[in-house]
Amino acid sequence: MTGASRIDGQPLPQEKMSTDFSFIILALSLLVMTMLMVAGRKIMVNGLSAIGFRRQPDLAPPGTSEVFVWPFFFRNIFTVLNVGLFATAALLLTDMIRYDDPYGSVKLAAILTGSFLAALMLRHLTCIMAAEATGWKELFREYMNVVYNAWFANAIILFILNGLILFAPLNNTVPLIVSGLAISAIFLIIRVLRLLTIFNRRHISILYYILYLCALEVLPVLVILKILGVF
């Protein structure tokens, strides 16, 4: 009778992201989206129309304080969660950042989400200060309405991509990550062009447009890069 020998199997690949944490974020996002669709659908649809280039009705956009109340608050929660989760997945799954412990992804997601939220609040504060200094309150209210809704539309797409990237049985997630980055870049271009449209419609000098473009679009990005220690 010959003895059987035990052969060691191949170790499972290390998990780069915490699937439990990712599932919680996606489940919470789905719950928030369901609430928005049930109780605030009309407001959300009207808000998303603000990022289009068709002539908008002459209605006053939401005030700066209204972004913190229902349903705008939950819209922003959905946006921040999914942008932060996508950024985390993009960095970890492309090995730009590595952690020995998959729960390091929770820490990274918290940092990225907090940085994105800080950038949004910085832009919001800058718009309030600029509106008070120039008297162009309606202009900056309209611009902030475009910014929040553009990020929300972007986050809806990223929400779908997050689910596919993290839970679909894919051999290569890089094409989806690149697609998400490309879509985000497109929405950034839309915001820049919509800002130009707003300035042009109100007959404001192009020099002011360039100045506020740097302050409102470039500065928040620099803040995020500084928080992440890029420079």
C-alpha atoms as a PDB file:
ATOM      1  CA  MET A   1       0.000   0.000   0.000  1.00  0.00           C
ATOM      2  CA  THR A   2       1.561   3.246  -1.084  1.00  0.00           C
ATOM      3  CA  GLY A   3       1.131   6.430   0.911  1.00  0.00           C
ATOM      4  CA  ALA A   4      -0.560   9.426  -0.718  1.00  0.00           C
ATOM      5  CA  SER A   5       1.418  12.633  -0.812  1.00  0.00           C
ATOM      6  CA  ARG A   6      -0.183  16.040  -0.314  1.00  0.00           C
ATOM      7  CA  ILE A   7       0.449  18.642  -2.960  1.00  0.00           C
ATOM      8  CA  ASP A   8       0.185  22.275  -1.983  1.00  0.00           C
ATOM      9  CA  GLY A   9      -2.266  24.208  -4.104  1.00  0.00           C
ATOM     10  CA  GLN A  10      -1.808  27.622  -5.634  1.00  0.00           C
ATOM     11  CA  PRO A  11      -2.584  30.462  -3.200  1.00  0.00           C
ATOM     12  CA  LEU A  12      -5.577  32.627  -4.014  1.00  0.00           C
ATOM     13  CA  PRO A  13      -4.695  36.036  -5.395  1.00  0.00           C
ATOM     14  CA  GLN A  14      -4.742  38.731  -2.738  1.00  0.00           C
ATOM     15  CA  GLU A  15      -7.864  40.859  -2.687  1.00  0.00           C
ATOM     16  CA  LYS A  16      -6.960  44.435  -3.630  1.00  0.00           C
ATOM     17  CA  MET A  17     -10.192  45.978  -2.376  1.00  0.00           C
ATOM     18  CA  SER A  18     -12.512  45.094   0.458  1.00  0.00           C
ATOM     19  CA  THR A  19     -15.578  43.646  -1.249  1.00  0.00           C
ATOM     20  CA  ASP A  20     -17.616  43.990   1.936  1.00  0.00           C
ATOM     21  CA  PHE A  21     -16.925  47.706   2.132  1.00  0.00           C
ATOM     22  CA  SER A  22     -17.552  48.170  -1.602  1.00  0.00           C
ATOM     23  CA  PHE A  23     -20.861  46.322  -1.355  1.00  0.00           C
ATOM     24  CA  ILE A  24     -21.965  48.549   1.535  1.00  0.00           C
ATOM     25  CA  ILE A  25     -21.152  51.700  -0.458  1.00  0.00           C
ATOM     26  CA  LEU A  26     -22.989  50.449  -3.552  1.00  0.00           C
ATOM     27  CA  ALA A  27     -25.976  49.291  -1.512  1.00  0.00           C
ATOM     28  CA  LEU A  28     -26.181  52.657   0.240  1.00  0.00           C
ATOM     29  CA  SER A  29     -25.886  54.413  -3.125  1.00  0.00           C
ATOM     30  CA  LEU A  30     -28.706  52.299  -4.534  1.00  0.00           C
ATOM     31  CA  LEU A  31     -30.870  53.158  -1.528  1.00  0.00           C
ATOM     32  CA  VAL A  32     -30.182  56.880  -1.973  1.00  0.00           C
ATOM     33  CA  MET A  33     -30.907  56.693  -5.713  1.00  0.00           C
ATOM     34  CA  THR A  34     -34.180  54.884  -5.021  1.00  0.00           C
ATOM     35  CA  MET A  35     -35.206  57.617  -2.583  1.00  0.00           C
ATOM     36  CA  LEU A  36     -34.352  60.288  -5.126  1.00  0.00           C
ATOM     37  CA  MET A  37     -36.310  58.557  -7.886  1.00  0.00           C
ATOM     38  CA  VAL A  38     -39.362  58.054  -5.676  1.00  0.00           C
ATOM     39  CA  ALA A  39     -39.523  61.358  -3.805  1.00  0.00           C
ATOM     40  CA  GLY A  40     -37.458  63.809  -5.830  1.00  0.00           C
ATOM     41  CA  ARG A  41     -37.556  62.567  -9.420  1.00  0.00           C
ATOM     42  CA  LYS A  42     -38.926  65.748 -10.960  1.00  0.00           C
ATOM     43  CA  ILE A  43     -36.386  67.933  -9.187  1.00  0.00           C
ATOM     44  CA  MET A  44     -33.519  65.677 -10.234  1.00  0.00           C
ATOM     45  CA  VAL A  45     -34.627  65.549 -13.872  1.00  0.00           C
ATOM     46  CA  ASN A  46     -34.982  69.331 -13.979  1.00  0.00           C
ATOM     47  CA  GLY A  47     -31.574  69.669 -12.376  1.00  0.00           C
ATOM     48  CA  LEU A  48     -29.879  67.375 -14.894  1.00  0.00           C
ATOM     49  CA  SER A  49     -31.286  69.496 -17.710  1.00  0.00           C
ATOM     50  CA  ALA A  50     -29.082  72.332 -16.414  1.00  0.00           C
ATOM     51  CA  ILE A  51     -25.981  70.693 -17.906  1.00  0.00           C
ATOM     52  CA  GLY A  52     -27.456  70.795 -21.412  1.00  0.00           C
ATOM     53  CA  PHE A  53     -26.652  73.515 -23.920  1.00  0.00           C
ATOM     54  CA  ARG A  54     -30.224  74.241 -24.926  1.00  0.00           C
ATOM     55  CA  ARG A  55     -31.699  77.521 -23.830  1.00  0.00           C
ATOM     56  CA  GLN A  56     -32.929  77.074 -20.266  1.00  0.00           C
ATOM     57  CA  PRO A  57     -36.119  78.673 -18.892  1.00  0.00           C
ATOM     58  CA  ASP A  58     -35.492  81.820 -16.899  1.00  0.00           C
ATOM     59  CA  LEU A  59     -35.959  80.139 -13.533  1.00  0.00           C
ATOM     60  CA  ALA A  60     -33.853  80.926 -10.513  1.00  0.00           C
ATOM     61  CA  PRO A  61     -31.417  78.064  -9.809  1.00  0.00           C
ATOM     62  CA  PRO A  62     -31.236  76.666  -6.267  1.00  0.00           C
ATOM     63  CA  GLY A  63     -29.604  78.963  -3.746  1.00  0.00           C
ATOM     64  CA  THR A  64     -26.274  78.135  -2.152  1.00  0.00           C
ATOM     65  CA  SER A  65     -27.916  76.988   1.087  1.00  0.00           C
ATOM     66  CA  GLU A  66     -30.335  74.634  -0.673  1.00  0.00           C
ATOM     67  CA  VAL A  67     -27.611  72.125  -1.549  1.00  0.00           C
ATOM     68  CA  PHE A  68     -27.659  70.997   2.072  1.00  0.00           C
ATOM     69  CA  VAL A  69     -31.370  70.142   2.199  1.00  0.00           C
ATOM     70  CA  TRP A  70     -33.447  67.360   0.700  1.00  0.00           C
ATOM     71  CA  PRO A  71     -33.169  66.236  -2.072  1.00  0.00           C
ATOM     72  CA  PHE A  72     -29.976  68.076  -2.994  1.00  0.00           C
ATOM     73  CA  PHE A  73     -28.147  66.787   0.077  1.00  0.00           C
ATOM     74  CA  PHE A  74     -28.781  63.148  -0.875  1.00  0.00           C
ATOM     75  CA  ARG A  75     -27.844  63.894  -4.473  1.00  0.00           C
ATOM     76  CA  ASN A  76     -24.466  65.106  -3.248  1.00  0.00           C
ATOM     77  CA  ILE A  77     -24.068  62.109  -0.921  1.00  0.00           C
ATOM     78  CA  PHE A  78     -24.620  59.785  -3.889  1.00  0.00           C
ATOM     79  CA  THR A  79     -22.093  61.765  -5.927  1.00  0.00           C
ATOM     80  CA  VAL A  80     -19.367  61.823  -3.293  1.00  0.00           C
ATOM     81  CA  LEU A  81     -19.676  58.112  -2.476  1.00  0.00           C
ATOM     82  CA  ASN A  82     -19.435  56.909  -6.057  1.00  0.00           C
ATOM     83  CA  VAL A  83     -16.705  59.271  -7.194  1.00  0.00           C
ATOM     84  CA  GLY A  84     -14.641  58.292  -4.152  1.00  0.00           C
ATOM     85  CA  LEU A  85     -15.245  54.569  -4.700  1.00  0.00           C
ATOM     86  CA  PHE A  86     -14.353  54.764  -8.380  1.00  0.00           C
ATOM     87  CA  ALA A  87     -11.154  56.697  -7.667  1.00  0.00           C
ATOM     88  CA  THR A  88     -10.189  54.088  -5.073  1.00  0.00           C
ATOM     89  CA  ALA A  89     -10.852  51.204  -7.459  1.00  0.00           C
ATOM     90  CA  ALA A  90      -8.932  52.921 -10.259  1.00  0.00           C
ATOM     91  CA  LEU A  91      -5.832  53.437  -8.105  1.00  0.00           C
ATOM     92  CA  LEU A  92      -5.827  49.989  -6.501  1.00  0.00           C
ATOM     93  CA  LEU A  93      -6.817  47.792  -9.444  1.00  0.00           C
ATOM     94  CA  THR A  94      -4.233  49.412 -11.713  1.00  0.00           C
ATOM     95  CA  ASP A  95      -1.591  48.940  -8.976  1.00  0.00           C
ATOM     96  CA  MET A  96      -0.843  52.657  -8.785  1.00  0.00           C
ATOM     97  CA  ILE A  97      -1.258  52.234  -5.021  1.00  0.00           C
ATOM     98  CA  ARG A  98      -0.830  48.954  -3.151  1.00  0.00           C
ATOM     99  CA  TYR A  99      -1.843  47.770   0.309  1.00  0.00           C
ATOM    100  CA  ASP A 100      -0.872  44.506   1.983  1.00  0.00           C
ATOM    101  CA  ASP A 101      -4.231  44.464   3.739  1.00  0.00           C
ATOM    102  CA  PRO A 102      -7.381  44.759   1.565  1.00  0.00           C
ATOM    103  CA  TYR A 103      -8.918  46.889   4.307  1.00  0.00           C
ATOM    104  CA  GLY A 104      -6.362  49.524   3.399  1.00  0.00           C
ATOM    105  CA  SER A 105      -8.790  50.293   0.588  1.00  0.00           C
ATOM    106  CA  VAL A 106     -11.231  51.561   3.225  1.00  0.00           C
ATOM    107  CA  LYS A 107      -8.672  54.091   4.411  1.00  0.00           C
ATOM    108  CA  LEU A 108      -7.866  55.150   0.856  1.00  0.00           C
ATOM    109  CA  ALA A 109     -11.555  55.507  -0.005  1.00  0.00           C
ATOM    110  CA  ALA A 110     -12.069  57.691   3.070  1.00  0.00           C
ATOM    111  CA  ILE A 111      -9.148  59.921   2.076  1.00  0.00           C
ATOM    112  CA  LEU A 112     -10.271  60.267  -1.543  1.00  0.00           C
ATOM    113  CA  THR A 113     -13.913  60.821  -0.643  1.00  0.00           C
ATOM    114  CA  GLY A 114     -12.970  63.428   1.942  1.00  0.00           C
ATOM    115  CA  SER A 115     -10.645  65.149  -0.533  1.00  0.00           C
ATOM    116  CA  PHE A 116     -13.346  65.280  -3.185  1.00  0.00           C
ATOM    117  CA  LEU A 117     -15.851  66.645  -0.677  1.00  0.00           C
ATOM    118  CA  ALA A 118     -13.321  69.254   0.451  1.00  0.00           C
ATOM    119  CA  ALA A 119     -12.800  70.322  -3.166  1.00  0.00           C
ATOM    120  CA  LEU A 120     -16.553  70.681  -3.675  1.00  0.00           C
ATOM    121  CA  MET A 121     -16.894  72.756  -0.516  1.00  0.00           C
ATOM    122  CA  LEU A 122     -13.916  74.905  -1.508  1.00  0.00           C
ATOM    123  CA  ARG A 123     -15.496  75.606  -4.879  1.00  0.00           C
ATOM    124  CA  HIS A 124     -18.796  76.354  -3.152  1.00  0.00           C
ATOM    125  CA  LEU A 125     -17.124  78.798  -0.745  1.00  0.00           C
ATOM    126  CA  THR A 126     -15.191  80.425  -3.592  1.00  0.00           C
ATOM    127  CA  CYS A 127     -18.416  80.958  -5.529  1.00  0.00           C
ATOM    128  CA  ILE A 128     -20.107  82.532  -2.515  1.00  0.00           C
ATOM    129  CA  MET A 129     -17.188  84.907  -2.000  1.00  0.00           C
ATOM    130  CA  ALA A 130     -16.981  85.767  -5.705  1.00  0.00           C
ATOM    131  CA  ALA A 131     -20.732  86.362  -5.887  1.00  0.00           C
ATOM    132  CA  GLU A 132     -20.619  88.732  -2.911  1.00  0.00           C
ATOM    133  CA  ALA A 133     -17.585  90.578  -4.292  1.00  0.00           C
ATOM    134  CA  THR A 134     -18.918  91.012  -7.837  1.00  0.00           C
ATOM    135  CA  GLY A 135     -22.669  91.102  -7.276  1.00  0.00           C
ATOM    136  CA  TRP A 136     -23.148  88.338  -9.882  1.00  0.00           C
ATOM    137  CA  LYS A 137     -25.162  86.148  -7.531  1.00  0.00           C
ATOM    138  CA  GLU A 138     -27.446  84.634 -10.183  1.00  0.00           C
ATOM    139  CA  LEU A 139     -24.439  83.793 -12.371  1.00  0.00           C
ATOM    140  CA  PHE A 140     -22.626  81.855  -9.673  1.00  0.00           C
ATOM    141  CA  ARG A 141     -25.818  80.176  -8.481  1.00  0.00           C
ATOM    142  CA  GLU A 142     -26.376  78.937 -12.019  1.00  0.00           C
ATOM    143  CA  TYR A 143     -22.771  77.814 -12.300  1.00  0.00           C
ATOM    144  CA  MET A 144     -22.898  75.855  -9.026  1.00  0.00           C
ATOM    145  CA  ASN A 145     -26.148  74.264 -10.167  1.00  0.00           C
ATOM    146  CA  VAL A 146     -24.313  73.072 -13.284  1.00  0.00           C
ATOM    147  CA  VAL A 147     -21.359  71.781 -11.243  1.00  0.00           C
ATOM    148  CA  TYR A 148     -23.430  69.728  -8.796  1.00  0.00           C
ATOM    149  CA  ASN A 149     -25.661  68.265 -11.484  1.00  0.00           C
ATOM    150  CA  ALA A 150     -22.757  67.464 -13.799  1.00  0.00           C
ATOM    151  CA  TRP A 151     -21.054  65.555 -10.995  1.00  0.00           C
ATOM    152  CA  PHE A 152     -24.345  63.799 -10.201  1.00  0.00           C
ATOM    153  CA  ALA A 153     -24.799  62.688 -13.820  1.00  0.00           C
ATOM    154  CA  ASN A 154     -21.181  61.547 -13.825  1.00  0.00           C
ATOM    155  CA  ALA A 155     -21.717  59.639 -10.572  1.00  0.00           C
ATOM    156  CA  ILE A 156     -24.698  57.760 -12.009  1.00  0.00           C
ATOM    157  CA  ILE A 157     -22.453  56.344 -14.730  1.00  0.00           C
ATOM    158  CA  LEU A 158     -19.648  55.664 -12.241  1.00  0.00           C
ATOM    159  CA  PHE A 159     -22.128  53.824 -10.017  1.00  0.00           C
ATOM    160  CA  ILE A 160     -22.807  51.365 -12.846  1.00  0.00           C
ATOM    161  CA  LEU A 161     -19.094  51.056 -13.635  1.00  0.00           C
ATOM    162  CA  ASN A 162     -18.280  50.489  -9.943  1.00  0.00           C
ATOM    163  CA  GLY A 163     -20.665  47.555  -9.830  1.00  0.00           C
ATOM    164  CA  LEU A 164     -19.163  46.021 -12.964  1.00  0.00           C
ATOM    165  CA  ILE A 165     -15.546  46.656 -11.968  1.00  0.00           C
ATOM    166  CA  LEU A 166     -15.862  45.293  -8.442  1.00  0.00           C
ATOM    167  CA  PHE A 167     -18.333  42.427  -8.803  1.00  0.00           C
ATOM    168  CA  ALA A 168     -18.594  41.325 -12.440  1.00  0.00           C
ATOM    169  CA  PRO A 169     -16.419  38.287 -13.357  1.00  0.00           C
ATOM    170  CA  LEU A 170     -14.041  40.227 -15.587  1.00  0.00           C
ATOM    171  CA  ASN A 171     -10.464  39.288 -16.415  1.00  0.00           C
ATOM    172  CA  ASN A 172      -9.453  42.862 -17.172  1.00  0.00           C
ATOM    173  CA  THR A 173     -11.077  45.882 -15.553  1.00  0.00           C
ATOM    174  CA  VAL A 174      -8.744  48.463 -17.084  1.00  0.00           C
ATOM    175  CA  PRO A 175     -11.042  49.254 -20.077  1.00  0.00           C
ATOM    176  CA  LEU A 176     -13.882  50.069 -17.677  1.00  0.00           C
ATOM    177  CA  ILE A 177     -11.602  52.228 -15.554  1.00  0.00           C
ATOM    178  CA  VAL A 178     -10.375  54.098 -18.635  1.00  0.00           C
ATOM    179  CA  SER A 179     -13.973  54.537 -19.750  1.00  0.00           C
ATOM    180  CA  GLY A 180     -14.867  56.042 -16.378  1.00  0.00           C
ATOM    181  CA  LEU A 181     -11.943  58.455 -16.573  1.00  0.00           C
ATOM    182  CA  ALA A 182     -12.875  59.453 -20.122  1.00  0.00           C
ATOM    183  CA  ILE A 183     -16.506  60.056 -19.131  1.00  0.00           C
ATOM    184  CA  SER A 184     -15.377  62.171 -16.176  1.00  0.00           C
ATOM    185  CA  ALA A 185     -13.168  64.214 -18.516  1.00  0.00           C
ATOM    186  CA  ILE A 186     -16.120  64.758 -20.855  1.00  0.00           C
ATOM    187  CA  PHE A 187     -18.253  66.072 -17.996  1.00  0.00           C
ATOM    188  CA  LEU A 188     -15.398  68.372 -16.988  1.00  0.00           C
ATOM    189  CA  ILE A 189     -15.315  69.791 -20.516  1.00  0.00           C
ATOM    190  CA  ILE A 190     -19.104  70.210 -20.413  1.00  0.00           C
ATOM    191  CA  ARG A 191     -18.790  72.230 -17.194  1.00  0.00           C
ATOM    192  CA  VAL A 192     -16.133  74.472 -18.701  1.00  0.00           C
ATOM    193  CA  LEU A 193     -18.223  75.088 -21.826  1.00  0.00           C
ATOM    194  CA  ARG A 194     -21.382  75.702 -19.775  1.00  0.00           C
ATOM    195  CA  LEU A 195     -19.478  78.258 -17.688  1.00  0.00           C
ATOM    196  CA  LEU A 196     -18.448  79.980 -20.915  1.00  0.00           C
ATOM    197  CA  THR A 197     -22.068  79.921 -22.082  1.00  0.00           C
ATOM    198  CA  ILE A 198     -23.240  81.496 -18.825  1.00  0.00           C
ATOM    199  CA  PHE A 199     -20.640  84.271 -19.041  1.00  0.00           C
ATOM    200  CA  ASN A 200     -21.395  84.882 -22.719  1.00  0.00           C
ATOM    201  CA  ARG A 201     -25.156  85.035 -22.176  1.00  0.00           C
ATOM    202  CA  ARG A 202     -24.679  87.625 -19.455  1.00  0.00           C
ATOM    203  CA  HIS A 203     -22.216  89.621 -21.632  1.00  0.00           C
ATOM    204  CA  ILE A 204     -19.299  89.328 -19.200  1.00  0.00           C
ATOM    205  CA  SER A 205     -15.701  89.764 -20.409  1.00  0.00           C
ATOM    206  CA  ILE A 206     -13.783  86.661 -21.474  1.00  0.00           C
ATOM    207  CA  LEU A 207     -10.944  87.775 -19.187  1.00  0.00           C
ATOM    208  CA  TYR A 208     -13.210  87.294 -16.176  1.00  0.00           C
ATOM    209  CA  TYR A 209     -14.126  83.873 -17.551  1.00  0.00           C
ATOM    210  CA  ILE A 210     -10.473  82.825 -17.664  1.00  0.00           C
ATOM    211  CA  LEU A 211      -9.899  84.179 -14.160  1.00  0.00           C
ATOM    212  CA  TYR A 212     -12.855  82.350 -12.635  1.00  0.00           C
ATOM    213  CA  LEU A 213     -12.104  79.199 -14.634  1.00  0.00           C
ATOM    214  CA  CYS A 214      -8.708  79.000 -12.942  1.00  0.00           C
ATOM    215  CA  ALA A 215     -10.180  79.728  -9.512  1.00  0.00           C
ATOM    216  CA  LEU A 216     -13.215  77.441  -9.771  1.00  0.00           C
ATOM    217  CA  GLU A 217     -11.910  74.488 -11.792  1.00  0.00           C
ATOM    218  CA  VAL A 218      -8.125  74.406 -11.404  1.00  0.00           C
ATOM    219  CA  LEU A 219      -7.785  75.368  -7.738  1.00  0.00           C
ATOM    220  CA  PRO A 220      -9.950  72.503  -6.357  1.00  0.00           C
ATOM    221  CA  VAL A 221      -7.925  69.987  -8.376  1.00  0.00           C
ATOM    222  CA  LEU A 222      -4.686  71.394  -6.945  1.00  0.00           C
ATOM    223  CA  VAL A 223      -6.134  71.062  -3.433  1.00  0.00           C
ATOM    224  CA  ILE A 224      -6.908  67.368  -4.016  1.00  0.00           C
ATOM    225  CA  LEU A 225      -3.423  66.717  -5.396  1.00  0.00           C
ATOM    226  CA  LYS A 226      -1.879  68.517  -2.413  1.00  0.00           C
ATOM    227  CA  ILE A 227      -3.918  66.459   0.070  1.00  0.00           C
ATOM    228  CA  LEU A 228      -2.840  63.266  -1.691  1.00  0.00           C
ATOM    229  CA  GLY A 229       0.796  64.377  -1.478  1.00  0.00           C
ATOM    230  CA  VAL A 230       1.388  64.529  -5.230  1.00  0.00           C
ATOM    231  CA  PHE A 231       3.497  67.662  -4.706  1.00  0.00           C
END
